[in-house]
Amino acid sequence: NNQSRVRSMTSSNFHNPPQRTASPAKVVPFPGRVPERLVGVGFRCWLTGFESGDVSSWEEDWIAYHSALGLDAAKKVLMNLSHFVRAVKANTCRNIEVYPSGCRGFCRDECLAISVIAASQHDRRPELRTCTIALTGTEDIGDALIGAQRFAESLRDAQQILNTSSICPANCPLWQPLNKLS
């Protein structure tokens, strides 16, 4: 029936994909702060789009950024997010992992991306360098740092400031090589 189809398409379930199951031990609770969500979900969507060639993940991200920032700010921030993700992907020496769309947590690499951007916004250079190396698996991080700084600056211009608590501390297990976390 047409009415039930329209109702299901306009319900909140249409805009919020069902939660996908993930191992609880590896899921970081979904942060409630908009800046951290934008970075984590944006990193997930853009990396997924680059790897799959499917633009639906980019469309999902566009909707989130446009809703949070408005048209002009969303364009600028997403351009810089794209450059950051491209630089990370181009310079990585390992497989970057992200959770599927709709997952309500962030995996190790998504948390590292959030930490990189937070460290960049707060000029915490040792953490910025260490998190970027942990994320890419290499010390050749120049392009990734430039991308991170531009993305962080565009978020700041849009009044999206990540919390300093989003920066991984010196004893953070995320800095360990991936094989040591298993």
C-alpha atoms as a PDB file:
ATOM      1  CA  ASN A   1       0.000   0.000   0.000  1.00  0.00           C
ATOM      2  CA  ASN A   2       1.270   3.458  -0.930  1.00  0.00           C
ATOM      3  CA  GLN A   3       0.611   5.075   2.445  1.00  0.00           C
ATOM      4  CA  SER A   4       2.688   2.528   4.340  1.00  0.00           C
ATOM      5  CA  ARG A   5       5.537   2.896   1.814  1.00  0.00           C
ATOM      6  CA  VAL A   6       5.535   6.677   2.231  1.00  0.00           C
ATOM      7  CA  ARG A   7       5.362   6.341   6.024  1.00  0.00           C
ATOM      8  CA  SER A   8       8.310   3.935   6.085  1.00  0.00           C
ATOM      9  CA  MET A   9      10.338   6.171   3.768  1.00  0.00           C
ATOM     10  CA  THR A  10       9.736   9.260   5.894  1.00  0.00           C
ATOM     11  CA  SER A  11      10.152   7.594   9.264  1.00  0.00           C
ATOM     12  CA  SER A  12      13.263   8.122  11.361  1.00  0.00           C
ATOM     13  CA  ASN A  13      14.328   4.572  10.490  1.00  0.00           C
ATOM     14  CA  PHE A  14      14.837   5.648   6.888  1.00  0.00           C
ATOM     15  CA  HIS A  15      17.422   8.260   7.902  1.00  0.00           C
ATOM     16  CA  ASN A  16      19.089   6.174  10.601  1.00  0.00           C
ATOM     17  CA  PRO A  17      20.326   2.853   9.195  1.00  0.00           C
ATOM     18  CA  PRO A  18      19.927  -0.119  11.507  1.00  0.00           C
ATOM     19  CA  GLN A  19      22.813  -0.685  13.869  1.00  0.00           C
ATOM     20  CA  ARG A  20      25.257  -3.255  12.570  1.00  0.00           C
ATOM     21  CA  THR A  21      26.779  -5.691  14.960  1.00  0.00           C
ATOM     22  CA  ALA A  22      30.436  -5.366  15.795  1.00  0.00           C
ATOM     23  CA  SER A  23      32.584  -6.964  18.418  1.00  0.00           C
ATOM     24  CA  PRO A  24      31.869  -5.037  21.650  1.00  0.00           C
ATOM     25  CA  ALA A  25      35.515  -5.279  22.728  1.00  0.00           C
ATOM     26  CA  LYS A  26      36.607  -3.327  19.659  1.00  0.00           C
ATOM     27  CA  VAL A  27      33.850  -0.682  19.584  1.00  0.00           C
ATOM     28  CA  VAL A  28      34.473   2.750  21.062  1.00  0.00           C
ATOM     29  CA  PRO A  29      31.178   4.343  22.192  1.00  0.00           C
ATOM     30  CA  PHE A  30      29.773   6.733  19.611  1.00  0.00           C
ATOM     31  CA  PRO A  31      30.738  10.206  20.821  1.00  0.00           C
ATOM     32  CA  GLY A  32      27.927  12.631  21.420  1.00  0.00           C
ATOM     33  CA  ARG A  33      29.889  15.693  20.334  1.00  0.00           C
ATOM     34  CA  VAL A  34      29.226  16.878  16.792  1.00  0.00           C
ATOM     35  CA  PRO A  35      32.861  17.710  15.855  1.00  0.00           C
ATOM     36  CA  GLU A  36      34.142  14.228  16.774  1.00  0.00           C
ATOM     37  CA  ARG A  37      31.204  12.567  14.994  1.00  0.00           C
ATOM     38  CA  LEU A  38      31.829  14.637  11.868  1.00  0.00           C
ATOM     39  CA  VAL A  39      35.491  13.636  11.771  1.00  0.00           C
ATOM     40  CA  GLY A  40      34.946   9.939  12.558  1.00  0.00           C
ATOM     41  CA  VAL A  41      31.984   9.397  10.259  1.00  0.00           C
ATOM     42  CA  GLY A  42      33.539  11.622   7.582  1.00  0.00           C
ATOM     43  CA  PHE A  43      36.766   9.616   7.625  1.00  0.00           C
ATOM     44  CA  ARG A  44      34.722   6.393   7.404  1.00  0.00           C
ATOM     45  CA  CYS A  45      32.537   7.593   4.537  1.00  0.00           C
ATOM     46  CA  TRP A  46      35.312   9.115   2.429  1.00  0.00           C
ATOM     47  CA  LEU A  47      37.652   6.162   2.816  1.00  0.00           C
ATOM     48  CA  THR A  48      34.819   3.767   1.980  1.00  0.00           C
ATOM     49  CA  GLY A  49      33.926   5.851  -1.078  1.00  0.00           C
ATOM     50  CA  PHE A  50      37.520   5.936  -2.314  1.00  0.00           C
ATOM     51  CA  GLU A  51      37.925   2.184  -1.889  1.00  0.00           C
ATOM     52  CA  SER A  52      34.552   1.091  -3.275  1.00  0.00           C
ATOM     53  CA  GLY A  53      33.929   3.767  -5.894  1.00  0.00           C
ATOM     54  CA  ASP A  54      30.348   3.956  -4.585  1.00  0.00           C
ATOM     55  CA  VAL A  55      29.270   7.578  -4.137  1.00  0.00           C
ATOM     56  CA  SER A  56      26.474   6.708  -1.692  1.00  0.00           C
ATOM     57  CA  SER A  57      28.899   6.907   1.232  1.00  0.00           C
ATOM     58  CA  TRP A  58      29.936  10.401   0.127  1.00  0.00           C
ATOM     59  CA  GLU A  59      26.269  11.373  -0.204  1.00  0.00           C
ATOM     60  CA  GLU A  60      25.648  10.134   3.346  1.00  0.00           C
ATOM     61  CA  ASP A  61      28.508  12.286   4.578  1.00  0.00           C
ATOM     62  CA  TRP A  62      27.337  15.312   2.587  1.00  0.00           C
ATOM     63  CA  ILE A  63      23.941  15.105   4.303  1.00  0.00           C
ATOM     64  CA  ALA A  64      25.573  14.981   7.758  1.00  0.00           C
ATOM     65  CA  TYR A  65      27.952  17.880   7.075  1.00  0.00           C
ATOM     66  CA  HIS A  66      25.317  20.007   5.331  1.00  0.00           C
ATOM     67  CA  SER A  67      22.907  19.482   8.244  1.00  0.00           C
ATOM     68  CA  ALA A  68      25.537  20.400  10.827  1.00  0.00           C
ATOM     69  CA  LEU A  69      27.362  23.214   9.026  1.00  0.00           C
ATOM     70  CA  GLY A  70      25.203  24.640   6.250  1.00  0.00           C
ATOM     71  CA  LEU A  71      25.974  24.724   2.548  1.00  0.00           C
ATOM     72  CA  ASP A  72      29.063  26.955   2.279  1.00  0.00           C
ATOM     73  CA  ALA A  73      30.917  25.617   5.321  1.00  0.00           C
ATOM     74  CA  ALA A  74      30.087  22.009   4.396  1.00  0.00           C
ATOM     75  CA  LYS A  75      31.623  22.450   0.931  1.00  0.00           C
ATOM     76  CA  LYS A  76      34.884  23.814   2.312  1.00  0.00           C
ATOM     77  CA  VAL A  77      35.182  21.301   5.151  1.00  0.00           C
ATOM     78  CA  LEU A  78      34.366  18.308   2.924  1.00  0.00           C
ATOM     79  CA  MET A  79      36.936  19.400   0.355  1.00  0.00           C
ATOM     80  CA  ASN A  80      39.581  19.421   3.082  1.00  0.00           C
ATOM     81  CA  LEU A  81      38.336  16.116   4.529  1.00  0.00           C
ATOM     82  CA  SER A  82      38.713  14.617   1.052  1.00  0.00           C
ATOM     83  CA  HIS A  83      42.302  15.872   0.799  1.00  0.00           C
ATOM     84  CA  PHE A  84      43.131  14.500   4.258  1.00  0.00           C
ATOM     85  CA  VAL A  85      41.709  11.053   3.501  1.00  0.00           C
ATOM     86  CA  ARG A  86      43.427  10.938   0.093  1.00  0.00           C
ATOM     87  CA  ALA A  87      46.768  11.818   1.697  1.00  0.00           C
ATOM     88  CA  VAL A  88      46.353   9.161   4.387  1.00  0.00           C
ATOM     89  CA  LYS A  89      45.326   6.560   1.804  1.00  0.00           C
ATOM     90  CA  ALA A  90      48.164   7.480  -0.580  1.00  0.00           C
ATOM     91  CA  ASN A  91      50.867   7.356   2.087  1.00  0.00           C
ATOM     92  CA  THR A  92      49.779   4.404   4.196  1.00  0.00           C
ATOM     93  CA  CYS A  93      51.850   1.259   4.483  1.00  0.00           C
ATOM     94  CA  ARG A  94      48.969  -0.851   5.780  1.00  0.00           C
ATOM     95  CA  ASN A  95      45.257  -1.415   5.342  1.00  0.00           C
ATOM     96  CA  ILE A  96      43.255   1.322   7.021  1.00  0.00           C
ATOM     97  CA  GLU A  97      40.163  -0.139   8.648  1.00  0.00           C
ATOM     98  CA  VAL A  98      36.792   1.547   9.132  1.00  0.00           C
ATOM     99  CA  TYR A  99      33.479   0.279  10.405  1.00  0.00           C
ATOM    100  CA  PRO A 100      30.521  -0.031   8.042  1.00  0.00           C
ATOM    101  CA  SER A 101      28.092   2.805   7.550  1.00  0.00           C
ATOM    102  CA  GLY A 102      25.581   3.032  10.362  1.00  0.00           C
ATOM    103  CA  CYS A 103      27.823   1.469  12.993  1.00  0.00           C
ATOM    104  CA  ARG A 104      27.440   3.414  16.229  1.00  0.00           C
ATOM    105  CA  GLY A 105      31.045   3.111  17.318  1.00  0.00           C
ATOM    106  CA  PHE A 106      34.464   3.942  15.993  1.00  0.00           C
ATOM    107  CA  CYS A 107      37.235   1.454  15.355  1.00  0.00           C
ATOM    108  CA  ARG A 108      40.931   1.990  16.083  1.00  0.00           C
ATOM    109  CA  ASP A 109      41.733   3.785  12.828  1.00  0.00           C
ATOM    110  CA  GLU A 110      38.688   6.052  13.030  1.00  0.00           C
ATOM    111  CA  CYS A 111      39.705   6.972  16.603  1.00  0.00           C
ATOM    112  CA  LEU A 112      43.222   7.699  15.408  1.00  0.00           C
ATOM    113  CA  ALA A 113      41.844   9.979  12.666  1.00  0.00           C
ATOM    114  CA  ILE A 114      39.793  11.840  15.291  1.00  0.00           C
ATOM    115  CA  SER A 115      42.888  12.133  17.477  1.00  0.00           C
ATOM    116  CA  VAL A 116      44.988  13.447  14.565  1.00  0.00           C
ATOM    117  CA  ILE A 117      42.491  16.217  13.850  1.00  0.00           C
ATOM    118  CA  ALA A 118      42.040  17.101  17.536  1.00  0.00           C
ATOM    119  CA  ALA A 119      45.814  17.237  18.045  1.00  0.00           C
ATOM    120  CA  SER A 120      46.133  19.456  14.981  1.00  0.00           C
ATOM    121  CA  GLN A 121      43.448  21.858  16.210  1.00  0.00           C
ATOM    122  CA  HIS A 122      45.084  22.152  19.628  1.00  0.00           C
ATOM    123  CA  ASP A 123      48.677  22.326  18.317  1.00  0.00           C
ATOM    124  CA  ARG A 124      49.711  19.186  20.180  1.00  0.00           C
ATOM    125  CA  ARG A 125      52.527  18.304  17.793  1.00  0.00           C
ATOM    126  CA  PRO A 126      53.998  15.212  19.515  1.00  0.00           C
ATOM    127  CA  GLU A 127      50.567  13.545  19.629  1.00  0.00           C
ATOM    128  CA  LEU A 128      49.777  14.720  16.090  1.00  0.00           C
ATOM    129  CA  ARG A 129      52.951  13.108  14.769  1.00  0.00           C
ATOM    130  CA  THR A 130      52.587   9.903  16.781  1.00  0.00           C
ATOM    131  CA  CYS A 131      48.911   9.392  15.915  1.00  0.00           C
ATOM    132  CA  THR A 132      49.563  10.063  12.226  1.00  0.00           C
ATOM    133  CA  ILE A 133      52.386   7.507  12.209  1.00  0.00           C
ATOM    134  CA  ALA A 134      50.124   4.991  13.988  1.00  0.00           C
ATOM    135  CA  LEU A 135      47.338   5.637  11.471  1.00  0.00           C
ATOM    136  CA  THR A 136      49.486   5.354   8.342  1.00  0.00           C
ATOM    137  CA  GLY A 137      52.029   2.800   9.529  1.00  0.00           C
ATOM    138  CA  THR A 138      54.909   4.907   8.214  1.00  0.00           C
ATOM    139  CA  GLU A 139      57.032   7.886   9.196  1.00  0.00           C
ATOM    140  CA  ASP A 140      56.456   9.419   5.744  1.00  0.00           C
ATOM    141  CA  ILE A 141      53.602  11.562   7.025  1.00  0.00           C
ATOM    142  CA  GLY A 142      54.212  14.979   5.452  1.00  0.00           C
ATOM    143  CA  ASP A 143      51.220  14.935   3.092  1.00  0.00           C
ATOM    144  CA  ALA A 144      48.931  13.445   5.739  1.00  0.00           C
ATOM    145  CA  LEU A 145      49.968  16.183   8.195  1.00  0.00           C
ATOM    146  CA  ILE A 146      49.287  18.919   5.646  1.00  0.00           C
ATOM    147  CA  GLY A 147      45.872  17.390   4.908  1.00  0.00           C
ATOM    148  CA  ALA A 148      45.109  17.052   8.619  1.00  0.00           C
ATOM    149  CA  GLN A 149      46.063  20.653   9.343  1.00  0.00           C
ATOM    150  CA  ARG A 150      43.907  22.015   6.515  1.00  0.00           C
ATOM    151  CA  PHE A 151      40.945  19.848   7.544  1.00  0.00           C
ATOM    152  CA  ALA A 152      41.365  20.837  11.217  1.00  0.00           C
ATOM    153  CA  GLU A 153      41.552  24.511  10.279  1.00  0.00           C
ATOM    154  CA  SER A 154      38.413  24.338   8.121  1.00  0.00           C
ATOM    155  CA  LEU A 155      36.552  22.659  10.996  1.00  0.00           C
ATOM    156  CA  ARG A 156      37.753  25.429  13.323  1.00  0.00           C
ATOM    157  CA  ASP A 157      36.550  28.053  10.814  1.00  0.00           C
ATOM    158  CA  ALA A 158      33.136  26.340  10.948  1.00  0.00           C
ATOM    159  CA  GLN A 159      33.165  26.536  14.785  1.00  0.00           C
ATOM    160  CA  GLN A 160      33.670  22.764  15.098  1.00  0.00           C
ATOM    161  CA  ILE A 161      36.365  22.398  17.744  1.00  0.00           C
ATOM    162  CA  LEU A 162      37.266  18.902  18.866  1.00  0.00           C
ATOM    163  CA  ASN A 163      37.793  18.334  22.578  1.00  0.00           C
ATOM    164  CA  THR A 164      41.336  17.874  23.884  1.00  0.00           C
ATOM    165  CA  SER A 165      40.104  14.646  25.485  1.00  0.00           C
ATOM    166  CA  SER A 166      39.833  13.262  21.939  1.00  0.00           C
ATOM    167  CA  ILE A 167      43.632  13.346  21.658  1.00  0.00           C
ATOM    168  CA  CYS A 168      45.175   9.978  22.492  1.00  0.00           C
ATOM    169  CA  PRO A 169      47.418  10.238  25.579  1.00  0.00           C
ATOM    170  CA  ALA A 170      50.999   9.002  25.600  1.00  0.00           C
ATOM    171  CA  ASN A 171      50.016   5.601  27.010  1.00  0.00           C
ATOM    172  CA  CYS A 172      47.126   5.105  24.579  1.00  0.00           C
ATOM    173  CA  PRO A 173      46.902   1.530  23.257  1.00  0.00           C
ATOM    174  CA  LEU A 174      45.883   2.931  19.859  1.00  0.00           C
ATOM    175  CA  TRP A 175      49.511   3.910  19.310  1.00  0.00           C
ATOM    176  CA  GLN A 176      50.555   0.265  19.473  1.00  0.00           C
ATOM    177  CA  PRO A 177      51.031  -1.567  16.187  1.00  0.00           C
ATOM    178  CA  LEU A 178      47.792  -3.228  15.146  1.00  0.00           C
ATOM    179  CA  ASN A 179      49.141  -6.765  15.658  1.00  0.00           C
ATOM    180  CA  LYS A 180      49.908  -6.002  19.326  1.00  0.00           C
ATOM    181  CA  LEU A 181      46.275  -5.071  20.014  1.00  0.00           C
ATOM    182  CA  SER A 182      44.841  -8.458  19.061  1.00  0.00           C
END
